[in-house]
Full PDB file with SEQRES, HELIX, SHEET, SSBOND, CRYST1, ORIGX, SCALE, CONECT and MASTER records, all heavy atoms in Angstrom:
SEQRES   1 A   42  VAL VAL PHE LEU ASP VAL THR VAL GLN ARG ARG LEU GLU          
SEQRES   2 A   42  ALA SER GLU GLN LEU SER ARG SER GLN LEU MET ARG VAL          
SEQRES   3 A   42  GLN GLU VAL ALA GLN VAL GLY SER TRP VAL TRP ARG LEU          
SEQRES   4 A   42  PRO ASP GLY                                                  
HELIX    1 AA1 THR A    7  ALA A   30  1                                  24    
CRYST1    1.000    1.000    1.000  90.00  90.00  90.00 P 1           1          
ORIGX1      1.000000  0.000000  0.000000        0.00000                         
ORIGX2      0.000000  1.000000  0.000000        0.00000                         
ORIGX3      0.000000  0.000000  1.000000        0.00000                         
SCALE1      1.000000  0.000000  0.000000        0.00000                         
SCALE2      0.000000  1.000000  0.000000        0.00000                         
SCALE3      0.000000  0.000000  1.000000        0.00000                         
ATOM      1  N   VAL A   1       0.804  -1.202  -0.018  1.00  0.00           N  
ATOM      2  CA  VAL A   1      -0.020   0.059   0.001  1.00  0.00           C  
ATOM      3  C   VAL A   1       0.906   1.257   0.024  1.00  0.00           C  
ATOM      4  O   VAL A   1       1.570   1.553   0.976  1.00  0.00           O  
ATOM      5  CB  VAL A   1      -0.949   0.009   1.206  1.00  0.00           C  
ATOM      6  CG1 VAL A   1      -1.766   1.220   1.205  1.00  0.00           C  
ATOM      7  CG2 VAL A   1      -1.796  -1.306   1.276  1.00  0.00           C  
ATOM      8  N   VAL A   2       0.947   2.020  -1.116  1.00  0.00           N  
ATOM      9  CA  VAL A   2       1.841   3.034  -1.368  1.00  0.00           C  
ATOM     10  C   VAL A   2       1.095   4.332  -1.050  1.00  0.00           C  
ATOM     11  O   VAL A   2      -0.014   4.577  -1.723  1.00  0.00           O  
ATOM     12  CB  VAL A   2       2.416   3.054  -2.733  1.00  0.00           C  
ATOM     13  CG1 VAL A   2       3.355   4.098  -2.880  1.00  0.00           C  
ATOM     14  CG2 VAL A   2       3.079   1.732  -2.965  1.00  0.00           C  
ATOM     15  N   PHE A   3       1.552   5.168  -0.226  1.00  0.00           N  
ATOM     16  CA  PHE A   3       0.925   6.437   0.125  1.00  0.00           C  
ATOM     17  C   PHE A   3       1.675   7.559  -0.629  1.00  0.00           C  
ATOM     18  O   PHE A   3       2.766   7.892  -0.272  1.00  0.00           O  
ATOM     19  CB  PHE A   3       0.950   6.763   1.697  1.00  0.00           C  
ATOM     20  CG  PHE A   3       0.074   5.690   2.429  1.00  0.00           C  
ATOM     21  CD1 PHE A   3       0.624   4.377   2.653  1.00  0.00           C  
ATOM     22  CD2 PHE A   3      -1.146   6.014   2.934  1.00  0.00           C  
ATOM     23  CE1 PHE A   3      -0.141   3.574   3.433  1.00  0.00           C  
ATOM     24  CE2 PHE A   3      -1.951   5.116   3.584  1.00  0.00           C  
ATOM     25  CZ  PHE A   3      -1.384   3.834   3.839  1.00  0.00           C  
ATOM     26  N   LEU A   4       0.876   8.305  -1.544  1.00  0.00           N  
ATOM     27  CA  LEU A   4       1.490   9.572  -2.160  1.00  0.00           C  
ATOM     28  C   LEU A   4       0.874  10.657  -1.598  1.00  0.00           C  
ATOM     29  O   LEU A   4      -0.391  10.997  -1.676  1.00  0.00           O  
ATOM     30  CB  LEU A   4       1.160   9.344  -3.642  1.00  0.00           C  
ATOM     31  CG  LEU A   4       1.671   8.022  -4.432  1.00  0.00           C  
ATOM     32  CD1 LEU A   4       1.172   8.045  -5.869  1.00  0.00           C  
ATOM     33  CD2 LEU A   4       3.143   7.861  -4.284  1.00  0.00           C  
ATOM     34  N   ASP A   5       1.741  11.564  -0.937  1.00  0.00           N  
ATOM     35  CA  ASP A   5       1.204  12.816  -0.333  1.00  0.00           C  
ATOM     36  C   ASP A   5       0.886  13.869  -1.324  1.00  0.00           C  
ATOM     37  O   ASP A   5       1.818  14.285  -1.958  1.00  0.00           O  
ATOM     38  CB  ASP A   5       2.237  13.223   0.651  1.00  0.00           C  
ATOM     39  CG  ASP A   5       1.765  14.312   1.629  1.00  0.00           C  
ATOM     40  OD1 ASP A   5       0.819  14.893   1.296  1.00  0.00           O  
ATOM     41  OD2 ASP A   5       2.493  14.550   2.705  1.00  0.00           O  
ATOM     42  N   VAL A   6      -0.421  14.192  -1.474  1.00  0.00           N  
ATOM     43  CA  VAL A   6      -0.764  15.338  -2.363  1.00  0.00           C  
ATOM     44  C   VAL A   6      -1.388  16.533  -1.522  1.00  0.00           C  
ATOM     45  O   VAL A   6      -2.070  17.227  -2.090  1.00  0.00           O  
ATOM     46  CB  VAL A   6      -1.875  14.742  -3.309  1.00  0.00           C  
ATOM     47  CG1 VAL A   6      -1.251  13.689  -4.230  1.00  0.00           C  
ATOM     48  CG2 VAL A   6      -2.978  14.134  -2.611  1.00  0.00           C  
ATOM     49  N   THR A   7      -0.982  16.622  -0.361  1.00  0.00           N  
ATOM     50  CA  THR A   7      -1.448  17.727   0.525  1.00  0.00           C  
ATOM     51  C   THR A   7      -1.145  19.106  -0.083  1.00  0.00           C  
ATOM     52  O   THR A   7      -2.139  19.907  -0.230  1.00  0.00           O  
ATOM     53  CB  THR A   7      -0.811  17.716   1.978  1.00  0.00           C  
ATOM     54  OG1 THR A   7      -1.080  16.380   2.504  1.00  0.00           O  
ATOM     55  CG2 THR A   7      -1.511  18.622   2.849  1.00  0.00           C  
ATOM     56  N   VAL A   8       0.031  19.291  -0.512  1.00  0.00           N  
ATOM     57  CA  VAL A   8       0.321  20.598  -1.144  1.00  0.00           C  
ATOM     58  C   VAL A   8      -0.439  20.797  -2.364  1.00  0.00           C  
ATOM     59  O   VAL A   8      -0.853  21.904  -2.655  1.00  0.00           O  
ATOM     60  CB  VAL A   8       1.891  20.788  -1.242  1.00  0.00           C  
ATOM     61  CG1 VAL A   8       2.193  21.941  -2.082  1.00  0.00           C  
ATOM     62  CG2 VAL A   8       2.655  20.688  -0.002  1.00  0.00           C  
ATOM     63  N   GLN A   9      -0.453  19.810  -3.237  1.00  0.00           N  
ATOM     64  CA  GLN A   9      -1.190  19.977  -4.438  1.00  0.00           C  
ATOM     65  C   GLN A   9      -2.632  20.270  -4.273  1.00  0.00           C  
ATOM     66  O   GLN A   9      -3.101  21.096  -4.927  1.00  0.00           O  
ATOM     67  CB  GLN A   9      -1.084  18.536  -5.239  1.00  0.00           C  
ATOM     68  CG  GLN A   9      -1.923  18.527  -6.492  1.00  0.00           C  
ATOM     69  CD  GLN A   9      -1.856  17.182  -7.230  1.00  0.00           C  
ATOM     70  OE1 GLN A   9      -0.745  16.389  -7.020  1.00  0.00           O  
ATOM     71  NE2 GLN A   9      -2.889  16.884  -7.858  1.00  0.00           N  
ATOM     72  N   ARG A  10      -3.285  19.620  -3.314  1.00  0.00           N  
ATOM     73  CA  ARG A  10      -4.652  19.982  -2.914  1.00  0.00           C  
ATOM     74  C   ARG A  10      -4.819  21.392  -2.453  1.00  0.00           C  
ATOM     75  O   ARG A  10      -5.813  22.095  -2.857  1.00  0.00           O  
ATOM     76  CB  ARG A  10      -5.177  19.011  -1.972  1.00  0.00           C  
ATOM     77  CG  ARG A  10      -5.437  17.531  -2.524  1.00  0.00           C  
ATOM     78  CD  ARG A  10      -6.644  17.575  -3.338  1.00  0.00           C  
ATOM     79  NE  ARG A  10      -6.602  16.517  -4.308  1.00  0.00           N  
ATOM     80  CZ  ARG A  10      -7.551  16.250  -5.162  1.00  0.00           C  
ATOM     81  NH1 ARG A  10      -8.792  16.816  -4.960  1.00  0.00           N  
ATOM     82  NH2 ARG A  10      -7.442  15.316  -5.975  1.00  0.00           N  
ATOM     83  N   ARG A  11      -3.893  21.879  -1.722  1.00  0.00           N  
ATOM     84  CA  ARG A  11      -3.927  23.253  -1.166  1.00  0.00           C  
ATOM     85  C   ARG A  11      -3.865  24.233  -2.336  1.00  0.00           C  
ATOM     86  O   ARG A  11      -4.522  25.317  -2.411  1.00  0.00           O  
ATOM     87  CB  ARG A  11      -2.879  23.577  -0.165  1.00  0.00           C  
ATOM     88  CG  ARG A  11      -3.149  22.815   1.234  1.00  0.00           C  
ATOM     89  CD  ARG A  11      -1.955  23.031   2.103  1.00  0.00           C  
ATOM     90  NE  ARG A  11      -2.137  22.286   3.381  1.00  0.00           N  
ATOM     91  CZ  ARG A  11      -1.175  22.151   4.288  1.00  0.00           C  
ATOM     92  NH1 ARG A  11       0.044  22.441   4.002  1.00  0.00           N  
ATOM     93  NH2 ARG A  11      -1.515  21.502   5.420  1.00  0.00           N  
ATOM     94  N   LEU A  12      -3.000  23.969  -3.202  1.00  0.00           N  
ATOM     95  CA  LEU A  12      -2.782  24.831  -4.434  1.00  0.00           C  
ATOM     96  C   LEU A  12      -4.096  24.803  -5.269  1.00  0.00           C  
ATOM     97  O   LEU A  12      -4.520  25.917  -5.783  1.00  0.00           O  
ATOM     98  CB  LEU A  12      -1.570  24.394  -5.313  1.00  0.00           C  
ATOM     99  CG  LEU A  12      -0.282  24.689  -4.677  1.00  0.00           C  
ATOM    100  CD1 LEU A  12       0.909  23.981  -5.574  1.00  0.00           C  
ATOM    101  CD2 LEU A  12       0.067  26.107  -4.429  1.00  0.00           C  
ATOM    102  N   GLU A  13      -4.627  23.676  -5.470  1.00  0.00           N  
ATOM    103  CA  GLU A  13      -5.899  23.623  -6.203  1.00  0.00           C  
ATOM    104  C   GLU A  13      -7.000  24.362  -5.547  1.00  0.00           C  
ATOM    105  O   GLU A  13      -7.847  25.016  -6.229  1.00  0.00           O  
ATOM    106  CB  GLU A  13      -6.370  22.104  -6.396  1.00  0.00           C  
ATOM    107  CG  GLU A  13      -5.417  21.331  -7.340  1.00  0.00           C  
ATOM    108  CD  GLU A  13      -5.831  19.864  -7.415  1.00  0.00           C  
ATOM    109  OE1 GLU A  13      -6.624  19.438  -6.580  1.00  0.00           O  
ATOM    110  OE2 GLU A  13      -5.072  19.121  -8.167  1.00  0.00           O  
ATOM    111  N   ALA A  14      -7.071  24.274  -4.178  1.00  0.00           N  
ATOM    112  CA  ALA A  14      -8.028  24.890  -3.489  1.00  0.00           C  
ATOM    113  C   ALA A  14      -7.978  26.543  -3.576  1.00  0.00           C  
ATOM    114  O   ALA A  14      -8.782  27.357  -3.747  1.00  0.00           O  
ATOM    115  CB  ALA A  14      -8.148  24.623  -2.014  1.00  0.00           C  
ATOM    116  N   SER A  15      -6.577  26.910  -3.497  1.00  0.00           N  
ATOM    117  CA  SER A  15      -6.290  28.352  -3.628  1.00  0.00           C  
ATOM    118  C   SER A  15      -6.608  28.899  -5.068  1.00  0.00           C  
ATOM    119  O   SER A  15      -7.130  29.979  -5.285  1.00  0.00           O  
ATOM    120  CB  SER A  15      -4.779  28.498  -3.338  1.00  0.00           C  
ATOM    121  OG  SER A  15      -4.453  29.850  -3.615  1.00  0.00           O  
ATOM    122  N   GLU A  16      -6.304  27.984  -5.999  1.00  0.00           N  
ATOM    123  CA  GLU A  16      -6.589  28.417  -7.373  1.00  0.00           C  
ATOM    124  C   GLU A  16      -8.169  28.567  -7.598  1.00  0.00           C  
ATOM    125  O   GLU A  16      -8.593  29.488  -8.354  1.00  0.00           O  
ATOM    126  CB  GLU A  16      -6.127  27.364  -8.489  1.00  0.00           C  
ATOM    127  CG  GLU A  16      -6.363  27.665  -9.940  1.00  0.00           C  
ATOM    128  CD  GLU A  16      -5.826  26.664 -10.821  1.00  0.00           C  
ATOM    129  OE1 GLU A  16      -5.033  25.806 -10.298  1.00  0.00           O  
ATOM    130  OE2 GLU A  16      -6.265  26.631 -11.984  1.00  0.00           O  
ATOM    131  N   GLN A  17      -8.877  27.665  -6.966  1.00  0.00           N  
ATOM    132  CA  GLN A  17     -10.388  27.744  -7.137  1.00  0.00           C  
ATOM    133  C   GLN A  17     -10.870  29.000  -6.468  1.00  0.00           C  
ATOM    134  O   GLN A  17     -11.828  29.599  -7.013  1.00  0.00           O  
ATOM    135  CB  GLN A  17     -10.971  26.421  -6.479  1.00  0.00           C  
ATOM    136  CG  GLN A  17     -12.521  26.486  -6.577  1.00  0.00           C  
ATOM    137  CD  GLN A  17     -13.030  26.420  -8.007  1.00  0.00           C  
ATOM    138  OE1 GLN A  17     -12.490  25.729  -8.862  1.00  0.00           O  
ATOM    139  NE2 GLN A  17     -14.071  27.092  -8.268  1.00  0.00           N  
ATOM    140  N   LEU A  18     -10.327  29.237  -5.348  1.00  0.00           N  
ATOM    141  CA  LEU A  18     -10.735  30.501  -4.579  1.00  0.00           C  
ATOM    142  C   LEU A  18     -10.391  31.736  -5.440  1.00  0.00           C  
ATOM    143  O   LEU A  18     -11.199  32.647  -5.580  1.00  0.00           O  
ATOM    144  CB  LEU A  18     -10.070  30.593  -3.245  1.00  0.00           C  
ATOM    145  CG  LEU A  18     -10.242  31.864  -2.370  1.00  0.00           C  
ATOM    146  CD1 LEU A  18     -11.822  31.993  -2.126  1.00  0.00           C  
ATOM    147  CD2 LEU A  18      -9.513  31.924  -1.189  1.00  0.00           C  
ATOM    148  N   SER A  19      -9.223  31.672  -6.037  1.00  0.00           N  
ATOM    149  CA  SER A  19      -8.934  32.972  -6.922  1.00  0.00           C  
ATOM    150  C   SER A  19      -9.802  33.025  -8.042  1.00  0.00           C  
ATOM    151  O   SER A  19     -10.193  34.107  -8.450  1.00  0.00           O  
ATOM    152  CB  SER A  19      -7.483  32.758  -7.463  1.00  0.00           C  
ATOM    153  OG  SER A  19      -6.546  32.764  -6.275  1.00  0.00           O  
ATOM    154  N   ARG A  20     -10.186  31.997  -8.580  1.00  0.00           N  
ATOM    155  CA  ARG A  20     -11.106  31.919  -9.860  1.00  0.00           C  
ATOM    156  C   ARG A  20     -12.431  32.525  -9.431  1.00  0.00           C  
ATOM    157  O   ARG A  20     -13.082  33.219 -10.063  1.00  0.00           O  
ATOM    158  CB  ARG A  20     -11.272  30.567 -10.436  1.00  0.00           C  
ATOM    159  CG  ARG A  20     -12.017  30.445 -11.717  1.00  0.00           C  
ATOM    160  CD  ARG A  20     -12.175  29.006 -12.216  1.00  0.00           C  
ATOM    161  NE  ARG A  20     -10.860  28.484 -12.461  1.00  0.00           N  
ATOM    162  CZ  ARG A  20     -10.328  27.452 -11.774  1.00  0.00           C  
ATOM    163  NH1 ARG A  20     -11.013  26.843 -10.927  1.00  0.00           N  
ATOM    164  NH2 ARG A  20      -9.122  27.049 -12.066  1.00  0.00           N  
ATOM    165  N   SER A  21     -12.908  32.104  -8.267  1.00  0.00           N  
ATOM    166  CA  SER A  21     -14.164  32.547  -7.641  1.00  0.00           C  
ATOM    167  C   SER A  21     -14.220  34.102  -7.471  1.00  0.00           C  
ATOM    168  O   SER A  21     -15.189  34.762  -7.752  1.00  0.00           O  
ATOM    169  CB  SER A  21     -14.643  31.782  -6.369  1.00  0.00           C  
ATOM    170  OG  SER A  21     -14.687  30.489  -6.691  1.00  0.00           O  
ATOM    171  N   GLN A  22     -13.033  34.522  -6.873  1.00  0.00           N  
ATOM    172  CA  GLN A  22     -12.939  35.948  -6.603  1.00  0.00           C  
ATOM    173  C   GLN A  22     -12.895  36.773  -7.825  1.00  0.00           C  
ATOM    174  O   GLN A  22     -13.491  37.837  -7.949  1.00  0.00           O  
ATOM    175  CB  GLN A  22     -11.591  36.197  -5.785  1.00  0.00           C  
ATOM    176  CG  GLN A  22     -11.684  35.732  -4.379  1.00  0.00           C  
ATOM    177  CD  GLN A  22     -10.358  35.800  -3.592  1.00  0.00           C  
ATOM    178  OE1 GLN A  22      -9.308  35.777  -4.266  1.00  0.00           O  
ATOM    179  NE2 GLN A  22     -10.371  35.924  -2.405  1.00  0.00           N  
ATOM    180  N   LEU A  23     -12.187  36.201  -8.874  1.00  0.00           N  
ATOM    181  CA  LEU A  23     -12.183  36.880 -10.190  1.00  0.00           C  
ATOM    182  C   LEU A  23     -13.486  37.032 -10.779  1.00  0.00           C  
ATOM    183  O   LEU A  23     -13.924  38.027 -11.305  1.00  0.00           O  
ATOM    184  CB  LEU A  23     -11.270  36.186 -11.116  1.00  0.00           C  
ATOM    185  CG  LEU A  23     -11.127  36.636 -12.580  1.00  0.00           C  
ATOM    186  CD1 LEU A  23     -10.654  38.049 -12.610  1.00  0.00           C  
ATOM    187  CD2 LEU A  23     -10.304  35.844 -13.466  1.00  0.00           C  
ATOM    188  N   MET A  24     -14.262  35.931 -10.763  1.00  0.00           N  
ATOM    189  CA  MET A  24     -15.657  36.023 -11.362  1.00  0.00           C  
ATOM    190  C   MET A  24     -16.627  36.928 -10.600  1.00  0.00           C  
ATOM    191  O   MET A  24     -17.226  37.674 -11.210  1.00  0.00           O  
ATOM    192  CB  MET A  24     -16.281  34.664 -11.159  1.00  0.00           C  
ATOM    193  CG  MET A  24     -15.683  33.481 -12.129  1.00  0.00           C  
ATOM    194  SD  MET A  24     -16.320  31.887 -11.747  1.00  0.00           S  
ATOM    195  CE  MET A  24     -17.979  32.002 -12.045  1.00  0.00           C  
ATOM    196  N   ARG A  25     -16.373  37.172  -9.330  1.00  0.00           N  
ATOM    197  CA  ARG A  25     -17.174  38.113  -8.467  1.00  0.00           C  
ATOM    198  C   ARG A  25     -16.805  39.502  -8.863  1.00  0.00           C  
ATOM    199  O   ARG A  25     -17.608  40.351  -9.190  1.00  0.00           O  
ATOM    200  CB  ARG A  25     -16.848  37.907  -7.090  1.00  0.00           C  
ATOM    201  CG  ARG A  25     -17.627  38.911  -6.122  1.00  0.00           C  
ATOM    202  CD  ARG A  25     -19.089  38.892  -6.335  1.00  0.00           C  
ATOM    203  NE  ARG A  25     -19.731  39.867  -5.495  1.00  0.00           N  
ATOM    204  CZ  ARG A  25     -21.054  40.318  -5.735  1.00  0.00           C  
ATOM    205  NH1 ARG A  25     -21.589  40.050  -6.825  1.00  0.00           N  
ATOM    206  NH2 ARG A  25     -21.508  41.148  -4.893  1.00  0.00           N  
ATOM    207  N   VAL A  26     -15.400  39.742  -9.043  1.00  0.00           N  
ATOM    208  CA  VAL A  26     -14.947  41.103  -9.478  1.00  0.00           C  
ATOM    209  C   VAL A  26     -15.453  41.430 -10.854  1.00  0.00           C  
ATOM    210  O   VAL A  26     -15.972  42.563 -11.098  1.00  0.00           O  
ATOM    211  CB  VAL A  26     -13.430  41.151  -9.402  1.00  0.00           C  
ATOM    212  CG1 VAL A  26     -12.941  42.434 -10.121  1.00  0.00           C  
ATOM    213  CG2 VAL A  26     -12.934  41.139  -8.017  1.00  0.00           C  
ATOM    214  N   GLN A  27     -15.469  40.412 -11.791  1.00  0.00           N  
ATOM    215  CA  GLN A  27     -16.063  40.685 -13.128  1.00  0.00           C  
ATOM    216  C   GLN A  27     -17.546  41.101 -13.174  1.00  0.00           C  
ATOM    217  O   GLN A  27     -17.968  41.869 -13.828  1.00  0.00           O  
ATOM    218  CB  GLN A  27     -15.777  39.485 -14.029  1.00  0.00           C  
ATOM    219  CG  GLN A  27     -14.236  39.388 -14.449  1.00  0.00           C  
ATOM    220  CD  GLN A  27     -14.097  38.238 -15.435  1.00  0.00           C  
ATOM    221  OE1 GLN A  27     -14.934  37.589 -15.680  1.00  0.00           O  
ATOM    222  NE2 GLN A  27     -12.755  38.140 -15.934  1.00  0.00           N  
ATOM    223  N   GLU A  28     -18.192  40.274 -12.229  1.00  0.00           N  
ATOM    224  CA  GLU A  28     -19.578  40.606 -12.140  1.00  0.00           C  
ATOM    225  C   GLU A  28     -19.930  41.959 -11.715  1.00  0.00           C  
ATOM    226  O   GLU A  28     -20.730  42.655 -12.206  1.00  0.00           O  
ATOM    227  CB  GLU A  28     -20.277  39.614 -11.243  1.00  0.00           C  
ATOM    228  CG  GLU A  28     -21.730  39.696 -11.042  1.00  0.00           C  
ATOM    229  CD  GLU A  28     -22.303  38.707 -10.081  1.00  0.00           C  
ATOM    230  OE1 GLU A  28     -21.622  37.903  -9.478  1.00  0.00           O  
ATOM    231  OE2 GLU A  28     -23.510  38.844  -9.775  1.00  0.00           O  
ATOM    232  N   VAL A  29     -19.154  42.437 -10.606  1.00  0.00           N  
ATOM    233  CA  VAL A  29     -19.391  43.759 -10.086  1.00  0.00           C  
ATOM    234  C   VAL A  29     -19.008  44.920 -11.148  1.00  0.00           C  
ATOM    235  O   VAL A  29     -19.703  45.797 -11.290  1.00  0.00           O  
ATOM    236  CB  VAL A  29     -18.549  43.945  -8.796  1.00  0.00           C  
ATOM    237  CG1 VAL A  29     -18.623  45.385  -8.250  1.00  0.00           C  
ATOM    238  CG2 VAL A  29     -19.183  43.007  -7.687  1.00  0.00           C  
ATOM    239  N   ALA A  30     -17.880  44.601 -11.792  1.00  0.00           N  
ATOM    240  CA  ALA A  30     -17.405  45.665 -12.739  1.00  0.00           C  
ATOM    241  C   ALA A  30     -17.970  45.525 -14.096  1.00  0.00           C  
ATOM    242  O   ALA A  30     -17.757  46.360 -14.974  1.00  0.00           O  
ATOM    243  CB  ALA A  30     -15.798  45.567 -12.883  1.00  0.00           C  
ATOM    244  N   GLN A  31     -18.808  44.479 -14.345  1.00  0.00           N  
ATOM    245  CA  GLN A  31     -19.447  44.322 -15.645  1.00  0.00           C  
ATOM    246  C   GLN A  31     -18.246  44.111 -16.657  1.00  0.00           C  
ATOM    247  O   GLN A  31     -18.278  44.788 -17.762  1.00  0.00           O  
ATOM    248  CB  GLN A  31     -20.443  45.210 -16.045  1.00  0.00           C  
ATOM    249  CG  GLN A  31     -21.682  45.215 -15.106  1.00  0.00           C  
ATOM    250  CD  GLN A  31     -22.812  46.114 -15.440  1.00  0.00           C  
ATOM    251  OE1 GLN A  31     -22.583  47.170 -16.040  1.00  0.00           O  
ATOM    252  NE2 GLN A  31     -23.970  45.676 -15.222  1.00  0.00           N  
ATOM    253  N   VAL A  32     -17.322  43.402 -16.407  1.00  0.00           N  
ATOM    254  CA  VAL A  32     -16.163  43.039 -17.347  1.00  0.00           C  
ATOM    255  C   VAL A  32     -16.093  41.570 -17.601  1.00  0.00           C  
ATOM    256  O   VAL A  32     -16.007  40.770 -16.540  1.00  0.00           O  
ATOM    257  CB  VAL A  32     -14.814  43.700 -16.779  1.00  0.00           C  
ATOM    258  CG1 VAL A  32     -13.740  43.174 -17.794  1.00  0.00           C  
ATOM    259  CG2 VAL A  32     -14.855  45.134 -16.604  1.00  0.00           C  
ATOM    260  N   GLY A  33     -16.032  41.217 -18.863  1.00  0.00           N  
ATOM    261  CA  GLY A  33     -15.915  39.673 -19.163  1.00  0.00           C  
ATOM    262  C   GLY A  33     -14.577  39.381 -19.635  1.00  0.00           C  
ATOM    263  O   GLY A  33     -13.589  40.194 -19.787  1.00  0.00           O  
ATOM    264  N   SER A  34     -14.160  38.040 -19.604  1.00  0.00           N  
ATOM    265  CA  SER A  34     -12.947  37.618 -20.162  1.00  0.00           C  
ATOM    266  C   SER A  34     -13.069  36.321 -20.808  1.00  0.00           C  
ATOM    267  O   SER A  34     -14.083  35.613 -20.582  1.00  0.00           O  
ATOM    268  CB  SER A  34     -11.941  37.436 -18.887  1.00  0.00           C  
ATOM    269  OG  SER A  34     -12.323  36.491 -18.106  1.00  0.00           O  
ATOM    270  N   TRP A  35     -12.106  35.946 -21.667  1.00  0.00           N  
ATOM    271  CA  TRP A  35     -12.134  34.722 -22.354  1.00  0.00           C  
ATOM    272  C   TRP A  35     -10.717  34.184 -22.490  1.00  0.00           C  
ATOM    273  O   TRP A  35      -9.703  34.955 -22.461  1.00  0.00           O  
ATOM    274  CB  TRP A  35     -12.849  34.781 -23.768  1.00  0.00           C  
ATOM    275  CG  TRP A  35     -12.266  35.845 -24.765  1.00  0.00           C  
ATOM    276  CD1 TRP A  35     -12.537  37.185 -24.749  1.00  0.00           C  
ATOM    277  CD2 TRP A  35     -11.309  35.612 -25.615  1.00  0.00           C  
ATOM    278  NE1 TRP A  35     -11.825  37.728 -25.766  1.00  0.00           N  
ATOM    279  CE2 TRP A  35     -11.107  36.860 -26.411  1.00  0.00           C  
ATOM    280  CE3 TRP A  35     -10.587  34.472 -26.118  1.00  0.00           C  
ATOM    281  CZ2 TRP A  35     -10.040  36.862 -27.438  1.00  0.00           C  
ATOM    282  CZ3 TRP A  35      -9.635  34.594 -27.159  1.00  0.00           C  
ATOM    283  CH2 TRP A  35      -9.446  35.938 -27.792  1.00  0.00           C  
ATOM    284  N   VAL A  36     -10.622  32.946 -22.720  1.00  0.00           N  
ATOM    285  CA  VAL A  36      -9.232  32.280 -22.749  1.00  0.00           C  
ATOM    286  C   VAL A  36      -9.381  31.288 -23.898  1.00  0.00           C  
ATOM    287  O   VAL A  36     -10.247  30.514 -24.143  1.00  0.00           O  
ATOM    288  CB  VAL A  36      -8.951  31.409 -21.472  1.00  0.00           C  
ATOM    289  CG1 VAL A  36      -7.612  30.687 -21.650  1.00  0.00           C  
ATOM    290  CG2 VAL A  36      -8.881  32.272 -20.322  1.00  0.00           C  
ATOM    291  N   TRP A  37      -8.317  31.435 -24.755  1.00  0.00           N  
ATOM    292  CA  TRP A  37      -8.207  30.434 -25.947  1.00  0.00           C  
ATOM    293  C   TRP A  37      -6.974  29.641 -25.669  1.00  0.00           C  
ATOM    294  O   TRP A  37      -5.824  30.109 -25.577  1.00  0.00           O  
ATOM    295  CB  TRP A  37      -7.950  31.233 -27.240  1.00  0.00           C  
ATOM    296  CG  TRP A  37      -7.784  30.485 -28.515  1.00  0.00           C  
ATOM    297  CD1 TRP A  37      -7.923  29.095 -28.508  1.00  0.00           C  
ATOM    298  CD2 TRP A  37      -7.537  30.927 -29.828  1.00  0.00           C  
ATOM    299  NE1 TRP A  37      -7.718  28.783 -29.806  1.00  0.00           N  
ATOM    300  CE2 TRP A  37      -7.598  29.719 -30.608  1.00  0.00           C  
ATOM    301  CE3 TRP A  37      -7.400  32.137 -30.340  1.00  0.00           C  
ATOM    302  CZ2 TRP A  37      -7.352  29.913 -32.030  1.00  0.00           C  
ATOM    303  CZ3 TRP A  37      -7.200  32.234 -31.659  1.00  0.00           C  
ATOM    304  CH2 TRP A  37      -7.147  31.178 -32.535  1.00  0.00           C  
ATOM    305  N   ARG A  38      -7.178  28.344 -25.513  1.00  0.00           N  
ATOM    306  CA  ARG A  38      -6.077  27.453 -25.286  1.00  0.00           C  
ATOM    307  C   ARG A  38      -5.435  27.049 -26.617  1.00  0.00           C  
ATOM    308  O   ARG A  38      -5.838  26.174 -27.288  1.00  0.00           O  
ATOM    309  CB  ARG A  38      -6.610  26.119 -24.509  1.00  0.00           C  
ATOM    310  CG  ARG A  38      -7.016  26.519 -23.193  1.00  0.00           C  
ATOM    311  CD  ARG A  38      -7.617  25.226 -22.383  1.00  0.00           C  
ATOM    312  NE  ARG A  38      -7.885  25.561 -20.996  1.00  0.00           N  
ATOM    313  CZ  ARG A  38      -8.578  24.706 -20.160  1.00  0.00           C  
ATOM    314  NH1 ARG A  38      -8.985  23.575 -20.670  1.00  0.00           N  
ATOM    315  NH2 ARG A  38      -8.963  25.045 -18.878  1.00  0.00           N  
ATOM    316  N   LEU A  39      -4.358  27.653 -26.901  1.00  0.00           N  
ATOM    317  CA  LEU A  39      -3.617  27.404 -28.069  1.00  0.00           C  
ATOM    318  C   LEU A  39      -2.851  26.131 -28.136  1.00  0.00           C  
ATOM    319  O   LEU A  39      -2.572  25.548 -27.103  1.00  0.00           O  
ATOM    320  CB  LEU A  39      -2.487  28.527 -28.266  1.00  0.00           C  
ATOM    321  CG  LEU A  39      -3.080  30.041 -28.388  1.00  0.00           C  
ATOM    322  CD1 LEU A  39      -1.987  30.953 -28.419  1.00  0.00           C  
ATOM    323  CD2 LEU A  39      -3.974  30.114 -29.615  1.00  0.00           C  
ATOM    324  N   PRO A  40      -2.678  25.530 -29.377  1.00  0.00           N  
ATOM    325  CA  PRO A  40      -2.869  26.264 -30.654  1.00  0.00           C  
ATOM    326  C   PRO A  40      -4.291  25.914 -31.215  1.00  0.00           C  
ATOM    327  O   PRO A  40      -4.770  26.773 -31.960  1.00  0.00           O  
ATOM    328  CB  PRO A  40      -1.813  25.476 -31.583  1.00  0.00           C  
ATOM    329  CG  PRO A  40      -1.671  24.135 -30.967  1.00  0.00           C  
ATOM    330  CD  PRO A  40      -1.874  24.344 -29.507  1.00  0.00           C  
ATOM    331  N   ASP A  41      -4.870  24.867 -30.812  1.00  0.00           N  
ATOM    332  CA  ASP A  41      -6.115  24.561 -31.456  1.00  0.00           C  
ATOM    333  C   ASP A  41      -7.296  24.182 -30.383  1.00  0.00           C  
ATOM    334  O   ASP A  41      -8.252  23.388 -30.715  1.00  0.00           O  
ATOM    335  CB  ASP A  41      -6.065  23.415 -32.538  1.00  0.00           C  
ATOM    336  CG  ASP A  41      -5.365  22.251 -31.953  1.00  0.00           C  
ATOM    337  OD1 ASP A  41      -5.081  22.237 -30.866  1.00  0.00           O  
ATOM    338  OD2 ASP A  41      -5.085  21.332 -32.774  1.00  0.00           O  
ATOM    339  N   GLY A  42      -7.012  24.568 -29.155  1.00  0.00           N  
ATOM    340  CA  GLY A  42      -7.997  24.105 -28.179  1.00  0.00           C  
ATOM    341  C   GLY A  42      -9.176  25.017 -28.169  1.00  0.00           C  
ATOM    342  O   GLY A  42      -9.345  25.882 -28.973  1.00  0.00           O  
TER     343      GLY A  42                                                      
MASTER        0    0    0    1    0    0    0    6  342    1    0    4          
END                                                                             
């Protein structure tokens, strides 16, 4: 039974999710939208 510690990875993912939520809230208040194109053909 091999234990792979992903504690730091999970914290980073949670922080990224929080930042994304905060950005969405700021855009909603400021009425500014954004878009992302995942290059080259995404």
